[in-house]
PDB file of N, CA and C in Angstrom:
ATOM      1  N   MET A   1      23.117   8.192   9.149  1.00  0.00           N
ATOM      2  CA  MET A   1      22.702   9.268   8.264  1.00  0.00           C
ATOM      3  C   MET A   1      21.553  10.014   8.933  1.00  0.00           C
ATOM      4  N   GLY A   2      21.652  11.328   9.029  1.00  0.00           N
ATOM      5  CA  GLY A   2      20.613  12.126   9.659  1.00  0.00           C
ATOM      6  C   GLY A   2      19.455  12.393   8.732  1.00  0.00           C
ATOM      7  N   PRO A   3      18.371  12.950   9.273  1.00  0.00           N
ATOM      8  CA  PRO A   3      17.181  13.178   8.451  1.00  0.00           C
ATOM      9  C   PRO A   3      17.423  14.158   7.300  1.00  0.00           C
ATOM     10  N   VAL A   4      18.275  15.156   7.490  1.00  0.00           N
ATOM     11  CA  VAL A   4      18.517  16.115   6.407  1.00  0.00           C
ATOM     12  C   VAL A   4      19.175  15.414   5.227  1.00  0.00           C
ATOM     13  N   ARG A   5      20.197  14.637   5.496  1.00  0.00           N
ATOM     14  CA  ARG A   5      20.902  13.941   4.407  1.00  0.00           C
ATOM     15  C   ARG A   5      19.994  12.919   3.738  1.00  0.00           C
ATOM     16  N   GLU A   6      19.231  12.197   4.540  1.00  0.00           N
ATOM     17  CA  GLU A   6      18.308  11.199   3.983  1.00  0.00           C
ATOM     18  C   GLU A   6      17.265  11.864   3.085  1.00  0.00           C
ATOM     19  N   LEU A   7      16.684  12.956   3.551  1.00  0.00           N
ATOM     20  CA  LEU A   7      15.663  13.651   2.762  1.00  0.00           C
ATOM     21  C   LEU A   7      16.272  14.322   1.538  1.00  0.00           C
ATOM     22  N   ALA A   8      17.502  14.789   1.632  1.00  0.00           N
ATOM     23  CA  ALA A   8      18.189  15.343   0.467  1.00  0.00           C
ATOM     24  C   ALA A   8      18.382  14.257  -0.590  1.00  0.00           C
ATOM     25  N   ASN A   9      18.752  13.063  -0.164  1.00  0.00           N
ATOM     26  CA  ASN A   9      18.911  11.951  -1.103  1.00  0.00           C
ATOM     27  C   ASN A   9      17.584  11.586  -1.767  1.00  0.00           C
ATOM     28  N   VAL A  10      16.507  11.612  -0.993  1.00  0.00           N
ATOM     29  CA  VAL A  10      15.182  11.323  -1.553  1.00  0.00           C
ATOM     30  C   VAL A  10      14.841  12.371  -2.615  1.00  0.00           C
ATOM     31  N   ALA A  11      15.021  13.643  -2.285  1.00  0.00           N
ATOM     32  CA  ALA A  11      14.697  14.723  -3.225  1.00  0.00           C
ATOM     33  C   ALA A  11      15.555  14.634  -4.485  1.00  0.00           C
ATOM     34  N   ALA A  12      16.854  14.422  -4.316  1.00  0.00           N
ATOM     35  CA  ALA A  12      17.757  14.360  -5.461  1.00  0.00           C
ATOM     36  C   ALA A  12      17.465  13.170  -6.368  1.00  0.00           C
ATOM     37  N   GLY A  13      16.854  12.133  -5.824  1.00  0.00           N
ATOM     38  CA  GLY A  13      16.555  10.932  -6.594  1.00  0.00           C
ATOM     39  C   GLY A  13      15.280  10.996  -7.409  1.00  0.00           C
ATOM     40  N   VAL A  14      14.518  12.057  -7.270  1.00  0.00           N
ATOM     41  CA  VAL A  14      13.272  12.186  -8.026  1.00  0.00           C
ATOM     42  C   VAL A  14      13.612  12.540  -9.482  1.00  0.00           C
ATOM     43  N   PRO A  15      13.023  11.841 -10.448  1.00  0.00           N
ATOM     44  CA  PRO A  15      13.278  12.165 -11.854  1.00  0.00           C
ATOM     45  C   PRO A  15      12.964  13.629 -12.153  1.00  0.00           C
ATOM     46  N   GLY A  16      13.879  14.281 -12.855  1.00  0.00           N
ATOM     47  CA  GLY A  16      13.705  15.683 -13.221  1.00  0.00           C
ATOM     48  C   GLY A  16      14.467  16.648 -12.329  1.00  0.00           C
ATOM     49  N   VAL A  17      14.999  16.146 -11.216  1.00  0.00           N
ATOM     50  CA  VAL A  17      15.807  17.009 -10.353  1.00  0.00           C
ATOM     51  C   VAL A  17      17.235  17.002 -10.898  1.00  0.00           C
ATOM     52  N   ALA A  18      17.700  18.169 -11.352  1.00  0.00           N
ATOM     53  CA  ALA A  18      19.068  18.278 -11.876  1.00  0.00           C
ATOM     54  C   ALA A  18      20.059  18.272 -10.725  1.00  0.00           C
ATOM     55  N   ARG A  19      19.744  19.038  -9.674  1.00  0.00           N
ATOM     56  CA  ARG A  19      20.598  19.113  -8.489  1.00  0.00           C
ATOM     57  C   ARG A  19      19.863  19.896  -7.418  1.00  0.00           C
ATOM     58  N   LEU A  20      20.298  19.740  -6.199  1.00  0.00           N
ATOM     59  CA  LEU A  20      19.782  20.557  -5.102  1.00  0.00           C
ATOM     60  C   LEU A  20      20.587  21.846  -5.074  1.00  0.00           C
ATOM     61  N   THR A  21      19.948  22.943  -4.709  1.00  0.00           N
ATOM     62  CA  THR A  21      20.604  24.251  -4.690  1.00  0.00           C
ATOM     63  C   THR A  21      20.406  24.896  -3.325  1.00  0.00           C
ATOM     64  N   ALA A  22      21.136  25.956  -3.089  1.00  0.00           N
ATOM     65  CA  ALA A  22      21.002  26.686  -1.825  1.00  0.00           C
ATOM     66  C   ALA A  22      20.907  28.181  -2.109  1.00  0.00           C
ATOM     67  N   ALA A  23      19.971  28.552  -2.955  1.00  0.00           N
ATOM     68  CA  ALA A  23      19.831  29.946  -3.367  1.00  0.00           C
ATOM     69  C   ALA A  23      19.407  30.861  -2.223  1.00  0.00           C
ATOM     70  N   LEU A  24      18.618  30.360  -1.297  1.00  0.00           N
ATOM     71  CA  LEU A  24      18.093  31.199  -0.219  1.00  0.00           C
ATOM     72  C   LEU A  24      18.686  30.852   1.138  1.00  0.00           C
ATOM     73  N   GLY A  25      19.900  30.404   1.154  1.00  0.00           N
ATOM     74  CA  GLY A  25      20.506  30.056   2.433  1.00  0.00           C
ATOM     75  C   GLY A  25      21.665  29.109   2.257  1.00  0.00           C
ATOM     76  N   SER A  26      22.142  28.619   3.355  1.00  0.00           N
ATOM     77  CA  SER A  26      23.341  27.793   3.314  1.00  0.00           C
ATOM     78  C   SER A  26      23.069  26.332   2.991  1.00  0.00           C
ATOM     79  N   ARG A  27      21.816  25.900   3.089  1.00  0.00           N
ATOM     80  CA  ARG A  27      21.501  24.482   2.871  1.00  0.00           C
ATOM     81  C   ARG A  27      20.339  24.326   1.905  1.00  0.00           C
ATOM     82  N   PRO A  28      20.408  23.339   1.012  1.00  0.00           N
ATOM     83  CA  PRO A  28      19.302  23.111   0.085  1.00  0.00           C
ATOM     84  C   PRO A  28      18.103  22.414   0.713  1.00  0.00           C
ATOM     85  N   VAL A  29      18.316  21.706   1.824  1.00  0.00           N
ATOM     86  CA  VAL A  29      17.221  21.018   2.512  1.00  0.00           C
ATOM     87  C   VAL A  29      17.234  21.446   3.972  1.00  0.00           C
ATOM     88  N   LYS A  30      16.089  21.923   4.433  1.00  0.00           N
ATOM     89  CA  LYS A  30      15.946  22.323   5.837  1.00  0.00           C
ATOM     90  C   LYS A  30      14.823  21.508   6.453  1.00  0.00           C
ATOM     91  N   VAL A  31      15.034  21.049   7.666  1.00  0.00           N
ATOM     92  CA  VAL A  31      14.049  20.243   8.380  1.00  0.00           C
ATOM     93  C   VAL A  31      13.700  20.944   9.677  1.00  0.00           C
ATOM     94  N   LYS A  32      12.400  21.112   9.906  1.00  0.00           N
ATOM     95  CA  LYS A  32      11.918  21.706  11.156  1.00  0.00           C
ATOM     96  C   LYS A  32      10.958  20.725  11.811  1.00  0.00           C
ATOM     97  N   ASP A  33      11.326  20.272  12.996  1.00  0.00           N
ATOM     98  CA  ASP A  33      10.449  19.387  13.763  1.00  0.00           C
ATOM     99  C   ASP A  33       9.592  20.214  14.701  1.00  0.00           C
ATOM    100  N   HIS A  34       8.332  19.816  14.837  1.00  0.00           N
ATOM    101  CA  HIS A  34       7.379  20.507  15.705  1.00  0.00           C
ATOM    102  C   HIS A  34       6.845  19.525  16.740  1.00  0.00           C
ATOM    103  N   ASP A  35       6.670  20.008  17.970  1.00  0.00           N
ATOM    104  CA  ASP A  35       6.144  19.160  19.039  1.00  0.00           C
ATOM    105  C   ASP A  35       4.645  19.315  19.238  1.00  0.00           C
ATOM    106  N   ASP A  36       4.121  20.504  18.977  1.00  0.00           N
ATOM    107  CA  ASP A  36       2.706  20.757  19.260  1.00  0.00           C
ATOM    108  C   ASP A  36       2.058  21.519  18.120  1.00  0.00           C
ATOM    109  N   PRO A  37       1.378  20.870  17.219  1.00  0.00           N
ATOM    110  CA  PRO A  37       1.177  19.420  17.119  1.00  0.00           C
ATOM    111  C   PRO A  37       2.441  18.758  16.572  1.00  0.00           C
ATOM    112  N   PRO A  38       2.608  17.461  16.841  1.00  0.00           N
ATOM    113  CA  PRO A  38       3.806  16.779  16.359  1.00  0.00           C
ATOM    114  C   PRO A  38       3.833  16.692  14.839  1.00  0.00           C
ATOM    115  N   GLY A  39       5.000  16.838  14.290  1.00  0.00           N
ATOM    116  CA  GLY A  39       5.153  16.745  12.847  1.00  0.00           C
ATOM    117  C   GLY A  39       6.493  17.272  12.400  1.00  0.00           C
ATOM    118  N   ARG A  40       6.688  17.289  11.105  1.00  0.00           N
ATOM    119  CA  ARG A  40       7.945  17.730  10.517  1.00  0.00           C
ATOM    120  C   ARG A  40       7.645  18.479   9.225  1.00  0.00           C
ATOM    121  N   HIS A  41       8.345  19.603   9.030  1.00  0.00           N
ATOM    122  CA  HIS A  41       8.220  20.372   7.791  1.00  0.00           C
ATOM    123  C   HIS A  41       9.582  20.426   7.123  1.00  0.00           C
ATOM    124  N   ILE A  42       9.595  20.179   5.814  1.00  0.00           N
ATOM    125  CA  ILE A  42      10.826  20.166   5.042  1.00  0.00           C
ATOM    126  C   ILE A  42      10.734  21.212   3.948  1.00  0.00           C
ATOM    127  N   GLU A  43      11.823  21.957   3.766  1.00  0.00           N
ATOM    128  CA  GLU A  43      11.937  22.905   2.666  1.00  0.00           C
ATOM    129  C   GLU A  43      13.069  22.429   1.761  1.00  0.00           C
ATOM    130  N   VAL A  44      12.793  22.355   0.458  1.00  0.00           N
ATOM    131  CA  VAL A  44      13.775  21.866  -0.507  1.00  0.00           C
ATOM    132  C   VAL A  44      13.946  22.902  -1.615  1.00  0.00           C
ATOM    133  N   GLN A  45      15.197  23.216  -1.944  1.00  0.00           N
ATOM    134  CA  GLN A  45      15.515  24.095  -3.064  1.00  0.00           C
ATOM    135  C   GLN A  45      16.214  23.255  -4.130  1.00  0.00           C
ATOM    136  N   LEU A  46      15.780  23.404  -5.380  1.00  0.00           N
ATOM    137  CA  LEU A  46      16.335  22.541  -6.422  1.00  0.00           C
ATOM    138  C   LEU A  46      16.318  23.195  -7.787  1.00  0.00           C
ATOM    139  N   ALA A  47      17.084  22.588  -8.689  1.00  0.00           N
ATOM    140  CA  ALA A  47      17.094  22.952 -10.103  1.00  0.00           C
ATOM    141  C   ALA A  47      16.431  21.816 -10.880  1.00  0.00           C
ATOM    142  N   VAL A  48      15.615  22.176 -11.858  1.00  0.00           N
ATOM    143  CA  VAL A  48      14.908  21.192 -12.673  1.00  0.00           C
ATOM    144  C   VAL A  48      15.717  20.909 -13.941  1.00  0.00           C
ATOM    145  N   ALA A  49      15.833  19.644 -14.285  1.00  0.00           N
ATOM    146  CA  ALA A  49      16.588  19.217 -15.464  1.00  0.00           C
ATOM    147  C   ALA A  49      15.836  19.553 -16.755  1.00  0.00           C
ATOM    148  N   ARG A  50      16.597  19.715 -17.800  1.00  0.00           N
ATOM    149  CA  ARG A  50      16.047  19.983 -19.136  1.00  0.00           C
ATOM    150  C   ARG A  50      15.092  18.853 -19.531  1.00  0.00           C
ATOM    151  N   GLY A  51      13.985  19.234 -20.132  1.00  0.00           N
ATOM    152  CA  GLY A  51      13.025  18.249 -20.606  1.00  0.00           C
ATOM    153  C   GLY A  51      11.979  17.834 -19.589  1.00  0.00           C
ATOM    154  N   HIS A  52      12.023  18.425 -18.400  1.00  0.00           N
ATOM    155  CA  HIS A  52      11.063  18.087 -17.355  1.00  0.00           C
ATOM    156  C   HIS A  52      10.235  19.317 -17.015  1.00  0.00           C
ATOM    157  N   HIS A  53       8.970  19.088 -16.730  1.00  0.00           N
ATOM    158  CA  HIS A  53       8.058  20.174 -16.395  1.00  0.00           C
ATOM    159  C   HIS A  53       8.255  20.552 -14.927  1.00  0.00           C
ATOM    160  N   PRO A  54       8.598  21.809 -14.634  1.00  0.00           N
ATOM    161  CA  PRO A  54       8.889  22.211 -13.251  1.00  0.00           C
ATOM    162  C   PRO A  54       7.780  21.893 -12.254  1.00  0.00           C
ATOM    163  N   LEU A  55       6.534  22.125 -12.609  1.00  0.00           N
ATOM    164  CA  LEU A  55       5.446  21.870 -11.670  1.00  0.00           C
ATOM    165  C   LEU A  55       5.336  20.382 -11.345  1.00  0.00           C
ATOM    166  N   GLU A  56       5.488  19.526 -12.340  1.00  0.00           N
ATOM    167  CA  GLU A  56       5.421  18.087 -12.102  1.00  0.00           C
ATOM    168  C   GLU A  56       6.578  17.617 -11.221  1.00  0.00           C
ATOM    169  N   VAL A  57       7.762  18.163 -11.453  1.00  0.00           N
ATOM    170  CA  VAL A  57       8.922  17.800 -10.632  1.00  0.00           C
ATOM    171  C   VAL A  57       8.700  18.264  -9.194  1.00  0.00           C
ATOM    172  N   ALA A  58       8.238  19.496  -9.026  1.00  0.00           N
ATOM    173  CA  ALA A  58       7.998  20.026  -7.676  1.00  0.00           C
ATOM    174  C   ALA A  58       6.974  19.180  -6.931  1.00  0.00           C
ATOM    175  N   ARG A  59       5.908  18.793  -7.595  1.00  0.00           N
ATOM    176  CA  ARG A  59       4.889  17.955  -6.951  1.00  0.00           C
ATOM    177  C   ARG A  59       5.451  16.589  -6.563  1.00  0.00           C
ATOM    178  N   ALA A  60       6.255  16.005  -7.445  1.00  0.00           N
ATOM    179  CA  ALA A  60       6.830  14.698  -7.159  1.00  0.00           C
ATOM    180  C   ALA A  60       7.818  14.769  -5.996  1.00  0.00           C
ATOM    181  N   VAL A  61       8.627  15.814  -5.952  1.00  0.00           N
ATOM    182  CA  VAL A  61       9.576  15.989  -4.852  1.00  0.00           C
ATOM    183  C   VAL A  61       8.814  16.202  -3.547  1.00  0.00           C
ATOM    184  N   ARG A  62       7.808  17.049  -3.584  1.00  0.00           N
ATOM    185  CA  ARG A  62       7.024  17.325  -2.375  1.00  0.00           C
ATOM    186  C   ARG A  62       6.411  16.040  -1.822  1.00  0.00           C
ATOM    187  N   ALA A  63       5.834  15.228  -2.685  1.00  0.00           N
ATOM    188  CA  ALA A  63       5.210  13.979  -2.234  1.00  0.00           C
ATOM    189  C   ALA A  63       6.245  13.007  -1.684  1.00  0.00           C
ATOM    190  N   ALA A  64       7.359  12.847  -2.383  1.00  0.00           N
ATOM    191  CA  ALA A  64       8.389  11.890  -1.954  1.00  0.00           C
ATOM    192  C   ALA A  64       9.010  12.305  -0.629  1.00  0.00           C
ATOM    193  N   VAL A  65       9.311  13.572  -0.481  1.00  0.00           N
ATOM    194  CA  VAL A  65       9.954  14.059   0.735  1.00  0.00           C
ATOM    195  C   VAL A  65       8.982  14.023   1.912  1.00  0.00           C
ATOM    196  N   ALA A  66       7.745  14.436   1.701  1.00  0.00           N
ATOM    197  CA  ALA A  66       6.760  14.413   2.785  1.00  0.00           C
ATOM    198  C   ALA A  66       6.521  12.984   3.265  1.00  0.00           C
ATOM    199  N   ASP A  67       6.483  12.044   2.330  1.00  0.00           N
ATOM    200  CA  ASP A  67       6.296  10.642   2.707  1.00  0.00           C
ATOM    201  C   ASP A  67       7.500  10.120   3.491  1.00  0.00           C
ATOM    202  N   ALA A  68       8.696  10.416   3.021  1.00  0.00           N
ATOM    203  CA  ALA A  68       9.911   9.957   3.698  1.00  0.00           C
ATOM    204  C   ALA A  68      10.092  10.616   5.061  1.00  0.00           C
ATOM    205  N   ALA A  69       9.544  11.799   5.237  1.00  0.00           N
ATOM    206  CA  ALA A  69       9.718  12.535   6.491  1.00  0.00           C
ATOM    207  C   ALA A  69       8.958  11.912   7.647  1.00  0.00           C
ATOM    208  N   THR A  70       7.999  11.075   7.362  1.00  0.00           N
ATOM    209  CA  THR A  70       7.179  10.502   8.431  1.00  0.00           C
ATOM    210  C   THR A  70       7.732   9.192   8.979  1.00  0.00           C
ATOM    211  N   THR A  71       8.860   8.731   8.461  1.00  0.00           N
ATOM    212  CA  THR A  71       9.375   7.436   8.894  1.00  0.00           C
ATOM    213  C   THR A  71       9.891   7.445  10.327  1.00  0.00           C
ATOM    214  N   ASP A  72      10.342   8.585  10.826  1.00  0.00           N
ATOM    215  CA  ASP A  72      10.890   8.619  12.185  1.00  0.00           C
ATOM    216  C   ASP A  72      10.303   9.748  13.044  1.00  0.00           C
ATOM    217  N   THR A  73       9.080  10.133  12.745  1.00  0.00           N
ATOM    218  CA  THR A  73       8.387  11.139  13.549  1.00  0.00           C
ATOM    219  C   THR A  73       6.953  10.682  13.766  1.00  0.00           C
ATOM    220  N   SER A  74       6.363  11.138  14.856  1.00  0.00           N
ATOM    221  CA  SER A  74       5.016  10.661  15.169  1.00  0.00           C
ATOM    222  C   SER A  74       3.922  11.421  14.437  1.00  0.00           C
ATOM    223  N   GLY A  75       4.234  12.577  13.917  1.00  0.00           N
ATOM    224  CA  GLY A  75       3.214  13.382  13.242  1.00  0.00           C
ATOM    225  C   GLY A  75       3.374  13.363  11.740  1.00  0.00           C
ATOM    226  N   PRO A  76       2.551  14.132  11.058  1.00  0.00           N
ATOM    227  CA  PRO A  76       2.608  14.184   9.597  1.00  0.00           C
ATOM    228  C   PRO A  76       3.828  14.965   9.109  1.00  0.00           C
ATOM    229  N   GLY A  77       4.195  14.689   7.875  1.00  0.00           N
ATOM    230  CA  GLY A  77       5.271  15.426   7.215  1.00  0.00           C
ATOM    231  C   GLY A  77       4.701  16.317   6.140  1.00  0.00           C
ATOM    232  N   THR A  78       5.177  17.549   6.091  1.00  0.00           N
ATOM    233  CA  THR A  78       4.792  18.465   5.020  1.00  0.00           C
ATOM    234  C   THR A  78       6.058  18.945   4.341  1.00  0.00           C
ATOM    235  N   ALA A  79       5.922  19.398   3.110  1.00  0.00           N
ATOM    236  CA  ALA A  79       7.100  19.843   2.370  1.00  0.00           C
ATOM    237  C   ALA A  79       6.757  21.013   1.470  1.00  0.00           C
ATOM    238  N   ALA A  80       7.735  21.902   1.323  1.00  0.00           N
ATOM    239  CA  ALA A  80       7.646  23.011   0.380  1.00  0.00           C
ATOM    240  C   ALA A  80       8.839  22.896  -0.556  1.00  0.00           C
ATOM    241  N   VAL A  81       8.607  23.134  -1.844  1.00  0.00           N
ATOM    242  CA  VAL A  81       9.672  23.020  -2.841  1.00  0.00           C
ATOM    243  C   VAL A  81       9.814  24.356  -3.533  1.00  0.00           C
ATOM    244  N   LEU A  82      11.066  24.832  -3.597  1.00  0.00           N
ATOM    245  CA  LEU A  82      11.376  26.073  -4.315  1.00  0.00           C
ATOM    246  C   LEU A  82      12.269  25.714  -5.483  1.00  0.00           C
ATOM    247  N   ILE A  83      11.801  26.022  -6.696  1.00  0.00           N
ATOM    248  CA  ILE A  83      12.602  25.783  -7.875  1.00  0.00           C
ATOM    249  C   ILE A  83      13.432  27.040  -8.116  1.00  0.00           C
ATOM    250  N   THR A  84      14.745  26.893  -8.046  1.00  0.00           N
ATOM    251  CA  THR A  84      15.635  28.042  -8.200  1.00  0.00           C
ATOM    252  C   THR A  84      16.172  28.166  -9.618  1.00  0.00           C
ATOM    253  N   GLU A  85      16.110  27.075 -10.387  1.00  0.00           N
ATOM    254  CA  GLU A  85      16.570  27.086 -11.777  1.00  0.00           C
ATOM    255  C   GLU A  85      15.768  26.051 -12.561  1.00  0.00           C
ATOM    256  N   ALA A  86      15.513  26.381 -13.813  1.00  0.00           N
ATOM    257  CA  ALA A  86      14.877  25.421 -14.725  1.00  0.00           C
ATOM    258  C   ALA A  86      15.579  25.505 -16.057  1.00  0.00           C
ATOM    259  N   ALA A  87      16.096  24.381 -16.540  1.00  0.00           N
ATOM    260  CA  ALA A  87      16.791  24.357 -17.820  1.00  0.00           C
ATOM    261  C   ALA A  87      15.801  24.618 -18.935  1.00  0.00           C
ATOM    262  N   ALA A  88      16.201  25.415 -19.892  1.00  0.00           N
ATOM    263  CA  ALA A  88      15.323  25.757 -21.016  1.00  0.00           C
ATOM    264  C   ALA A  88      15.293  24.669 -22.050  1.00  0.00           C
TER     265      ALA A  88
END
C-alpha cells in the first residue's frame, strides 16, 4: 500500500468524515515529498458527516494525517484539509 492510500485510509477513519472528495482535482489526497528541507505535505479534501463540527473534524484529520505522514520520511509531516461539503 502506497503512502497516498495509507493516508487516505487514515483520513477516512477519523470520526466525522463522511467521505473523501475530489472537488479541486482528480484525487482527494495529494502527497508532496520535499528534500530540502526533508518532509512531506499532504492535502486532503473531504465531506463532513451530519452532527459533526467541521472545524473539529478538520483539526482531527490534519493531526492524524500529519502524524501518519512521518512514519516513512525523515522530516516532519504537515497537512492541509479542505472541507468541500458539510451535512446540515
